[in-house]
Amino acid sequence: MASLAEVMKQPLLVFTTFTGLKVSDDQALRRSLKQAKVSYVAVKKTLLKKALEQAGLSVEVATSVGNLSLATSDESLVAAKEVFAFSKKNEGLQIVGGIFEGKYLSAAEVKVLATVPSRTELYGQLVGVLSNPLRNTVGLFYGVLRNFVGVLNAIATR
């Protein structure tokens, strides 16, 4: 119970049901989550309810149907991204909801969070946006130079 209460302090918790998940799929899920450094554990609803109350969170996840599991990560959105990616491939794993910075999120909101680009992707997009005007300026100068050489070549061939 103490370790579960510690997990409740993570910035993002993703709750899933895994009722229809095959054992081989569950093992593949656990392997992929371990590689992504995501903590994944099956929890009893009563223990989860007590841990949520102890953490001061009033969330009614325990009313969901099926077995519950909990995914968390030290990096903010990695757990949501990994679980969402796996749930797209396997219907046995369903996202029930989550908690992000103390606020309860529905399953749809967790899926939206999972589609947010990572920090690295955002940096790449920013570099692309910033380099575009420079690229256009270089192209403009190249075009002027090419036209100038064309004019000089036309004058020389007269």
N, C-alpha and C. Protein backbone atom coordinates (compact mmCIF):
# COMPACT_ATOMS: atom_id res chain seq x y z
N MET A 1 0.83 -1.19 0.00
CA MET A 1 0.00 0.00 0.00
C MET A 1 0.87 1.25 0.00
N ALA A 2 1.98 1.23 0.75
CA ALA A 2 2.84 2.41 0.80
C ALA A 2 3.45 2.69 -0.57
N SER A 3 3.85 1.64 -1.29
CA SER A 3 4.43 1.86 -2.60
C SER A 3 3.39 2.39 -3.58
N LEU A 4 2.16 1.93 -3.46
CA LEU A 4 1.09 2.42 -4.31
C LEU A 4 0.79 3.89 -4.01
N ALA A 5 0.87 4.27 -2.75
CA ALA A 5 0.67 5.68 -2.38
C ALA A 5 1.80 6.54 -2.95
N GLU A 6 3.01 6.00 -3.04
CA GLU A 6 4.13 6.72 -3.65
C GLU A 6 3.90 6.91 -5.14
N VAL A 7 3.33 5.91 -5.78
CA VAL A 7 3.06 5.97 -7.21
C VAL A 7 2.04 7.08 -7.50
N MET A 8 1.13 7.31 -6.57
CA MET A 8 0.09 8.33 -6.76
C MET A 8 0.68 9.74 -6.85
N LYS A 9 1.93 9.91 -6.48
CA LYS A 9 2.58 11.23 -6.52
C LYS A 9 3.17 11.54 -7.90
N GLN A 10 3.13 10.58 -8.81
CA GLN A 10 3.65 10.79 -10.16
C GLN A 10 2.79 11.83 -10.89
N PRO A 11 3.36 12.58 -11.85
CA PRO A 11 2.58 13.61 -12.54
C PRO A 11 1.47 13.04 -13.42
N LEU A 12 1.66 11.83 -13.96
CA LEU A 12 0.64 11.24 -14.83
C LEU A 12 0.43 9.78 -14.45
N LEU A 13 -0.83 9.43 -14.24
CA LEU A 13 -1.22 8.05 -13.99
C LEU A 13 -2.21 7.67 -15.09
N VAL A 14 -2.01 6.52 -15.70
CA VAL A 14 -2.92 6.05 -16.75
C VAL A 14 -3.55 4.75 -16.26
N PHE A 15 -4.88 4.74 -16.18
CA PHE A 15 -5.62 3.56 -15.73
C PHE A 15 -6.12 2.80 -16.95
N THR A 16 -5.92 1.50 -16.94
CA THR A 16 -6.36 0.66 -18.06
C THR A 16 -7.07 -0.57 -17.54
N THR A 17 -7.88 -1.17 -18.40
CA THR A 17 -8.43 -2.50 -18.12
C THR A 17 -7.78 -3.46 -19.11
N PHE A 18 -7.53 -4.65 -18.63
CA PHE A 18 -6.84 -5.63 -19.48
C PHE A 18 -7.58 -6.96 -19.48
N THR A 19 -8.89 -6.91 -19.40
CA THR A 19 -9.69 -8.12 -19.28
C THR A 19 -9.53 -9.05 -20.48
N GLY A 20 -9.55 -8.54 -21.69
CA GLY A 20 -9.47 -9.38 -22.87
C GLY A 20 -8.07 -9.58 -23.42
N LEU A 21 -7.06 -9.25 -22.65
CA LEU A 21 -5.68 -9.31 -23.12
C LEU A 21 -5.12 -10.72 -22.94
N LYS A 22 -4.55 -11.27 -24.01
CA LYS A 22 -3.92 -12.59 -23.93
C LYS A 22 -2.63 -12.49 -23.14
N VAL A 23 -2.19 -13.60 -22.60
CA VAL A 23 -0.97 -13.63 -21.79
C VAL A 23 0.23 -13.21 -22.63
N SER A 24 0.32 -13.68 -23.85
CA SER A 24 1.45 -13.31 -24.71
C SER A 24 1.43 -11.81 -25.02
N ASP A 25 0.24 -11.26 -25.21
CA ASP A 25 0.13 -9.81 -25.45
C ASP A 25 0.50 -9.02 -24.20
N ASP A 26 0.10 -9.54 -23.04
CA ASP A 26 0.45 -8.88 -21.77
C ASP A 26 1.96 -8.88 -21.57
N GLN A 27 2.59 -9.97 -21.90
CA GLN A 27 4.05 -10.04 -21.77
C GLN A 27 4.72 -9.06 -22.74
N ALA A 28 4.21 -8.98 -23.95
CA ALA A 28 4.75 -8.02 -24.93
C ALA A 28 4.55 -6.59 -24.45
N LEU A 29 3.40 -6.32 -23.87
CA LEU A 29 3.12 -4.99 -23.32
C LEU A 29 4.11 -4.65 -22.22
N ARG A 30 4.30 -5.58 -21.30
CA ARG A 30 5.22 -5.34 -20.18
C ARG A 30 6.66 -5.12 -20.67
N ARG A 31 7.08 -5.89 -21.68
CA ARG A 31 8.42 -5.71 -22.24
C ARG A 31 8.58 -4.33 -22.88
N SER A 32 7.60 -3.94 -23.67
CA SER A 32 7.70 -2.63 -24.35
C SER A 32 7.64 -1.49 -23.34
N LEU A 33 6.83 -1.63 -22.31
CA LEU A 33 6.77 -0.58 -21.28
C LEU A 33 8.06 -0.52 -20.47
N LYS A 34 8.64 -1.68 -20.22
CA LYS A 34 9.91 -1.69 -19.47
C LYS A 34 11.02 -1.01 -20.28
N GLN A 35 11.05 -1.24 -21.59
CA GLN A 35 12.05 -0.59 -22.44
C GLN A 35 11.87 0.92 -22.46
N ALA A 36 10.61 1.37 -22.35
CA ALA A 36 10.32 2.80 -22.36
C ALA A 36 10.41 3.40 -20.94
N LYS A 37 10.81 2.60 -19.97
CA LYS A 37 10.94 3.02 -18.58
C LYS A 37 9.61 3.48 -18.00
N VAL A 38 8.56 2.69 -18.30
CA VAL A 38 7.23 2.95 -17.78
C VAL A 38 6.91 1.88 -16.76
N SER A 39 6.47 2.30 -15.59
CA SER A 39 6.06 1.37 -14.54
C SER A 39 4.63 0.93 -14.81
N TYR A 40 4.39 -0.38 -14.80
CA TYR A 40 3.07 -0.92 -15.10
C TYR A 40 2.75 -2.00 -14.09
N VAL A 41 1.61 -1.86 -13.43
CA VAL A 41 1.25 -2.83 -12.40
C VAL A 41 -0.27 -3.02 -12.38
N ALA A 42 -0.68 -4.27 -12.18
CA ALA A 42 -2.10 -4.56 -12.00
C ALA A 42 -2.43 -4.27 -10.54
N VAL A 43 -3.56 -3.63 -10.31
CA VAL A 43 -3.93 -3.25 -8.94
C VAL A 43 -5.35 -3.69 -8.63
N LYS A 44 -5.57 -3.98 -7.37
CA LYS A 44 -6.92 -4.28 -6.91
C LYS A 44 -7.65 -2.96 -6.73
N LYS A 45 -8.92 -2.98 -7.07
CA LYS A 45 -9.70 -1.75 -7.03
C LYS A 45 -9.80 -1.17 -5.63
N THR A 46 -9.93 -2.03 -4.63
CA THR A 46 -10.05 -1.52 -3.26
C THR A 46 -8.75 -0.86 -2.80
N LEU A 47 -7.62 -1.48 -3.14
CA LEU A 47 -6.33 -0.87 -2.78
C LEU A 47 -6.12 0.44 -3.53
N LEU A 48 -6.52 0.47 -4.79
CA LEU A 48 -6.39 1.69 -5.58
C LEU A 48 -7.25 2.80 -4.99
N LYS A 49 -8.46 2.46 -4.59
CA LYS A 49 -9.36 3.45 -4.00
C LYS A 49 -8.76 4.02 -2.71
N LYS A 50 -8.19 3.15 -1.87
CA LYS A 50 -7.57 3.61 -0.62
C LYS A 50 -6.35 4.48 -0.90
N ALA A 51 -5.54 4.08 -1.88
CA ALA A 51 -4.35 4.86 -2.21
C ALA A 51 -4.72 6.23 -2.78
N LEU A 52 -5.78 6.27 -3.59
CA LEU A 52 -6.24 7.54 -4.13
C LEU A 52 -6.76 8.46 -3.02
N GLU A 53 -7.50 7.88 -2.08
CA GLU A 53 -8.00 8.67 -0.95
C GLU A 53 -6.84 9.18 -0.10
N GLN A 54 -5.85 8.32 0.11
CA GLN A 54 -4.69 8.70 0.91
C GLN A 54 -3.89 9.82 0.23
N ALA A 55 -3.87 9.82 -1.08
CA ALA A 55 -3.17 10.86 -1.83
C ALA A 55 -4.00 12.13 -1.97
N GLY A 56 -5.25 12.09 -1.49
CA GLY A 56 -6.11 13.25 -1.56
C GLY A 56 -6.78 13.45 -2.91
N LEU A 57 -6.90 12.37 -3.67
CA LEU A 57 -7.53 12.43 -4.99
C LEU A 57 -8.89 11.75 -4.93
N SER A 58 -9.92 12.43 -5.32
CA SER A 58 -11.26 11.84 -5.30
C SER A 58 -11.63 11.42 -6.72
N VAL A 59 -11.26 10.21 -7.06
CA VAL A 59 -11.48 9.67 -8.41
C VAL A 59 -12.22 8.35 -8.28
N GLU A 60 -13.21 8.15 -9.13
CA GLU A 60 -14.00 6.93 -9.09
C GLU A 60 -13.60 5.96 -10.20
N VAL A 61 -12.35 5.56 -10.20
CA VAL A 61 -11.88 4.59 -11.19
C VAL A 61 -12.33 3.19 -10.79
N ALA A 62 -12.51 2.98 -9.52
CA ALA A 62 -12.85 1.66 -9.01
C ALA A 62 -14.20 1.16 -9.51
N THR A 63 -15.03 2.02 -10.07
CA THR A 63 -16.34 1.60 -10.57
C THR A 63 -16.26 0.99 -11.96
N SER A 64 -15.10 1.07 -12.62
CA SER A 64 -14.98 0.53 -13.97
C SER A 64 -15.03 -0.99 -13.96
N VAL A 65 -15.44 -1.54 -15.09
CA VAL A 65 -15.60 -2.98 -15.22
C VAL A 65 -14.28 -3.61 -15.60
N GLY A 66 -13.96 -4.77 -15.01
CA GLY A 66 -12.77 -5.50 -15.38
C GLY A 66 -11.60 -5.25 -14.44
N ASN A 67 -10.50 -5.92 -14.76
CA ASN A 67 -9.28 -5.76 -13.98
C ASN A 67 -8.63 -4.43 -14.32
N LEU A 68 -8.05 -3.81 -13.31
CA LEU A 68 -7.42 -2.52 -13.52
C LEU A 68 -5.91 -2.64 -13.46
N SER A 69 -5.26 -1.83 -14.26
CA SER A 69 -3.80 -1.70 -14.17
C SER A 69 -3.47 -0.22 -14.20
N LEU A 70 -2.25 0.07 -13.82
CA LEU A 70 -1.82 1.45 -13.66
C LEU A 70 -0.45 1.59 -14.31
N ALA A 71 -0.31 2.59 -15.16
CA ALA A 71 0.97 2.86 -15.83
C ALA A 71 1.42 4.27 -15.46
N THR A 72 2.70 4.39 -15.08
CA THR A 72 3.28 5.70 -14.76
C THR A 72 4.70 5.75 -15.29
N SER A 73 5.21 6.96 -15.39
CA SER A 73 6.58 7.15 -15.84
C SER A 73 7.12 8.42 -15.22
N ASP A 74 8.45 8.48 -15.09
CA ASP A 74 9.08 9.69 -14.57
C ASP A 74 8.96 10.83 -15.58
N GLU A 75 9.02 10.50 -16.87
CA GLU A 75 8.82 11.51 -17.90
C GLU A 75 7.32 11.68 -18.09
N SER A 76 6.88 12.89 -18.25
CA SER A 76 5.47 13.22 -18.12
C SER A 76 4.50 12.45 -19.01
N LEU A 77 4.69 12.38 -20.30
CA LEU A 77 3.67 11.80 -21.18
C LEU A 77 4.03 10.44 -21.76
N VAL A 78 5.16 9.89 -21.38
CA VAL A 78 5.61 8.63 -21.97
C VAL A 78 4.65 7.50 -21.68
N ALA A 79 4.12 7.43 -20.47
CA ALA A 79 3.20 6.35 -20.10
C ALA A 79 1.95 6.39 -20.98
N ALA A 80 1.38 7.56 -21.16
CA ALA A 80 0.18 7.69 -22.00
C ALA A 80 0.47 7.31 -23.44
N LYS A 81 1.61 7.75 -23.97
CA LYS A 81 1.97 7.45 -25.35
C LYS A 81 2.14 5.94 -25.57
N GLU A 82 2.87 5.30 -24.67
CA GLU A 82 3.15 3.87 -24.83
C GLU A 82 1.89 3.03 -24.69
N VAL A 83 1.07 3.32 -23.68
CA VAL A 83 -0.16 2.56 -23.47
C VAL A 83 -1.12 2.78 -24.63
N PHE A 84 -1.22 4.02 -25.10
CA PHE A 84 -2.11 4.32 -26.23
C PHE A 84 -1.65 3.59 -27.49
N ALA A 85 -0.36 3.60 -27.75
CA ALA A 85 0.17 2.92 -28.93
C ALA A 85 -0.13 1.42 -28.88
N PHE A 86 0.01 0.83 -27.69
CA PHE A 86 -0.26 -0.60 -27.56
C PHE A 86 -1.75 -0.88 -27.66
N SER A 87 -2.58 -0.01 -27.09
CA SER A 87 -4.03 -0.25 -27.13
C SER A 87 -4.60 -0.13 -28.54
N LYS A 88 -3.92 0.63 -29.42
CA LYS A 88 -4.36 0.73 -30.81
C LYS A 88 -4.17 -0.61 -31.52
N LYS A 89 -3.14 -1.36 -31.14
CA LYS A 89 -2.84 -2.64 -31.78
C LYS A 89 -3.61 -3.80 -31.15
N ASN A 90 -3.93 -3.68 -29.85
CA ASN A 90 -4.57 -4.78 -29.12
C ASN A 90 -5.84 -4.29 -28.44
N GLU A 91 -6.96 -4.88 -28.83
CA GLU A 91 -8.24 -4.47 -28.29
C GLU A 91 -8.44 -4.90 -26.84
N GLY A 92 -7.63 -5.84 -26.36
CA GLY A 92 -7.77 -6.33 -24.99
C GLY A 92 -7.37 -5.31 -23.95
N LEU A 93 -6.58 -4.33 -24.32
CA LEU A 93 -6.14 -3.28 -23.41
C LEU A 93 -6.92 -2.01 -23.72
N GLN A 94 -7.66 -1.52 -22.74
CA GLN A 94 -8.47 -0.32 -22.92
C GLN A 94 -8.08 0.74 -21.90
N ILE A 95 -7.92 1.96 -22.33
CA ILE A 95 -7.63 3.06 -21.42
C ILE A 95 -8.95 3.48 -20.77
N VAL A 96 -8.95 3.53 -19.43
CA VAL A 96 -10.14 3.88 -18.68
C VAL A 96 -10.14 5.36 -18.32
N GLY A 97 -8.97 5.87 -18.00
CA GLY A 97 -8.85 7.26 -17.58
C GLY A 97 -7.46 7.51 -17.08
N GLY A 98 -7.30 8.61 -16.37
CA GLY A 98 -5.99 8.92 -15.83
C GLY A 98 -6.05 10.11 -14.90
N ILE A 99 -4.92 10.40 -14.32
CA ILE A 99 -4.77 11.57 -13.47
C ILE A 99 -3.54 12.31 -13.95
N PHE A 100 -3.71 13.57 -14.30
CA PHE A 100 -2.60 14.40 -14.75
C PHE A 100 -2.51 15.61 -13.85
N GLU A 101 -1.41 15.69 -13.10
CA GLU A 101 -1.15 16.78 -12.17
C GLU A 101 -2.33 17.01 -11.23
N GLY A 102 -2.87 15.92 -10.68
CA GLY A 102 -3.93 16.01 -9.69
C GLY A 102 -5.33 16.14 -10.23
N LYS A 103 -5.50 16.18 -11.54
CA LYS A 103 -6.82 16.33 -12.16
C LYS A 103 -7.19 15.04 -12.88
N TYR A 104 -8.42 14.58 -12.65
CA TYR A 104 -8.87 13.36 -13.32
C TYR A 104 -9.13 13.62 -14.79
N LEU A 105 -8.70 12.69 -15.63
CA LEU A 105 -8.91 12.76 -17.07
C LEU A 105 -9.73 11.57 -17.54
N SER A 106 -10.63 11.80 -18.46
CA SER A 106 -11.39 10.70 -19.04
C SER A 106 -10.47 9.94 -20.01
N ALA A 107 -10.96 8.84 -20.52
CA ALA A 107 -10.18 8.04 -21.48
C ALA A 107 -9.88 8.86 -22.73
N ALA A 108 -10.84 9.65 -23.18
CA ALA A 108 -10.63 10.47 -24.38
C ALA A 108 -9.55 11.52 -24.13
N GLU A 109 -9.54 12.11 -22.95
CA GLU A 109 -8.54 13.12 -22.63
C GLU A 109 -7.15 12.52 -22.53
N VAL A 110 -7.05 11.30 -22.02
CA VAL A 110 -5.75 10.62 -21.95
C VAL A 110 -5.25 10.33 -23.36
N LYS A 111 -6.16 9.95 -24.26
CA LYS A 111 -5.77 9.70 -25.65
C LYS A 111 -5.30 10.97 -26.33
N VAL A 112 -5.92 12.10 -26.01
CA VAL A 112 -5.46 13.38 -26.56
C VAL A 112 -4.07 13.70 -26.05
N LEU A 113 -3.84 13.46 -24.75
CA LEU A 113 -2.51 13.68 -24.17
C LEU A 113 -1.47 12.80 -24.85
N ALA A 114 -1.87 11.59 -25.19
CA ALA A 114 -0.93 10.65 -25.81
C ALA A 114 -0.52 11.08 -27.21
N THR A 115 -1.34 11.91 -27.86
CA THR A 115 -1.01 12.33 -29.21
C THR A 115 -0.24 13.66 -29.25
N VAL A 116 0.00 14.25 -28.10
CA VAL A 116 0.78 15.49 -28.05
C VAL A 116 2.22 15.16 -28.43
N PRO A 117 2.84 15.95 -29.31
CA PRO A 117 4.22 15.67 -29.70
C PRO A 117 5.18 15.77 -28.51
N SER A 118 6.22 14.97 -28.54
CA SER A 118 7.21 15.01 -27.47
C SER A 118 8.04 16.29 -27.58
N ARG A 119 8.83 16.54 -26.57
CA ARG A 119 9.67 17.74 -26.54
C ARG A 119 10.64 17.73 -27.73
N THR A 120 11.23 16.57 -28.02
CA THR A 120 12.17 16.46 -29.13
C THR A 120 11.48 16.77 -30.46
N GLU A 121 10.27 16.24 -30.65
CA GLU A 121 9.52 16.52 -31.88
C GLU A 121 9.18 18.00 -32.00
N LEU A 122 8.82 18.61 -30.88
CA LEU A 122 8.52 20.05 -30.90
C LEU A 122 9.75 20.87 -31.24
N TYR A 123 10.92 20.47 -30.71
CA TYR A 123 12.16 21.16 -31.06
C TYR A 123 12.44 21.04 -32.55
N GLY A 124 12.22 19.86 -33.10
CA GLY A 124 12.42 19.65 -34.53
C GLY A 124 11.50 20.52 -35.37
N GLN A 125 10.24 20.63 -34.95
CA GLN A 125 9.29 21.49 -35.67
C GLN A 125 9.71 22.95 -35.57
N LEU A 126 10.19 23.36 -34.40
CA LEU A 126 10.63 24.73 -34.21
C LEU A 126 11.83 25.06 -35.11
N VAL A 127 12.78 24.13 -35.17
CA VAL A 127 13.95 24.32 -36.05
C VAL A 127 13.50 24.43 -37.50
N GLY A 128 12.55 23.62 -37.91
CA GLY A 128 12.03 23.68 -39.27
C GLY A 128 11.38 25.02 -39.57
N VAL A 129 10.60 25.51 -38.61
CA VAL A 129 9.93 26.80 -38.80
C VAL A 129 10.94 27.93 -38.86
N LEU A 130 11.96 27.88 -37.99
CA LEU A 130 12.95 28.95 -37.96
C LEU A 130 13.89 28.92 -39.17
N SER A 131 14.16 27.73 -39.70
CA SER A 131 15.09 27.64 -40.82
C SER A 131 14.42 27.93 -42.17
N ASN A 132 13.11 27.89 -42.22
CA ASN A 132 12.41 28.12 -43.48
C ASN A 132 12.68 29.51 -44.07
N PRO A 133 12.58 30.60 -43.32
CA PRO A 133 12.89 31.91 -43.92
C PRO A 133 14.33 32.01 -44.42
N LEU A 134 15.25 31.40 -43.69
CA LEU A 134 16.65 31.41 -44.14
C LEU A 134 16.80 30.65 -45.45
N ARG A 135 16.16 29.53 -45.54
CA ARG A 135 16.21 28.72 -46.76
C ARG A 135 15.61 29.51 -47.93
N ASN A 136 14.52 30.19 -47.70
CA ASN A 136 13.89 30.99 -48.76
C ASN A 136 14.80 32.14 -49.20
N THR A 137 15.47 32.78 -48.23
CA THR A 137 16.38 33.88 -48.56
C THR A 137 17.55 33.39 -49.39
N VAL A 138 18.12 32.27 -49.03
CA VAL A 138 19.22 31.69 -49.81
C VAL A 138 18.74 31.35 -51.22
N GLY A 139 17.56 30.81 -51.34
CA GLY A 139 17.00 30.49 -52.66
C GLY A 139 16.79 31.74 -53.49
N LEU A 140 16.35 32.81 -52.85
CA LEU A 140 16.15 34.07 -53.55
C LEU A 140 17.46 34.61 -54.10
N PHE A 141 18.51 34.62 -53.25
CA PHE A 141 19.82 35.09 -53.71
C PHE A 141 20.38 34.22 -54.81
N TYR A 142 20.17 32.92 -54.70
CA TYR A 142 20.64 32.00 -55.73
C TYR A 142 19.95 32.30 -57.06
N GLY A 143 18.65 32.58 -57.01
CA GLY A 143 17.90 32.90 -58.23
C GLY A 143 18.40 34.18 -58.86
N VAL A 144 18.68 35.21 -58.05
CA VAL A 144 19.19 36.48 -58.57
C VAL A 144 20.55 36.25 -59.23
N LEU A 145 21.41 35.49 -58.56
CA LEU A 145 22.74 35.21 -59.11
C LEU A 145 22.64 34.43 -60.41
N ARG A 146 21.75 33.46 -60.48
CA ARG A 146 21.58 32.65 -61.69
C ARG A 146 21.08 33.53 -62.83
N ASN A 147 20.14 34.42 -62.55
CA ASN A 147 19.64 35.33 -63.60
C ASN A 147 20.74 36.28 -64.05
N PHE A 148 21.54 36.76 -63.14
CA PHE A 148 22.65 37.67 -63.48
C PHE A 148 23.65 36.97 -64.39
N VAL A 149 24.00 35.74 -64.08
CA VAL A 149 24.92 34.97 -64.91
C VAL A 149 24.28 34.71 -66.27
N GLY A 150 23.00 34.46 -66.31
CA GLY A 150 22.30 34.26 -67.58
C GLY A 150 22.35 35.51 -68.46
N VAL A 151 22.16 36.69 -67.83
CA VAL A 151 22.21 37.93 -68.57
C VAL A 151 23.61 38.16 -69.12
N LEU A 152 24.65 37.94 -68.28
CA LEU A 152 26.02 38.10 -68.72
C LEU A 152 26.36 37.15 -69.87
N ASN A 153 25.86 35.92 -69.79
CA ASN A 153 26.10 34.93 -70.83
C ASN A 153 25.42 35.36 -72.12
N ALA A 154 24.23 35.94 -72.04
CA ALA A 154 23.50 36.40 -73.24
C ALA A 154 24.25 37.58 -73.89
N ILE A 155 24.80 38.48 -73.06
CA ILE A 155 25.56 39.62 -73.58
C ILE A 155 26.83 39.13 -74.25
N ALA A 156 27.48 38.14 -73.67
CA ALA A 156 28.76 37.63 -74.22
C ALA A 156 28.54 36.90 -75.54
N THR A 157 27.40 36.28 -75.74
CA THR A 157 27.15 35.53 -76.98
C THR A 157 26.62 36.40 -78.10
N ARG A 158 26.34 37.63 -77.90
CA ARG A 158 25.84 38.54 -78.94
C ARG A 158 26.86 38.87 -79.91
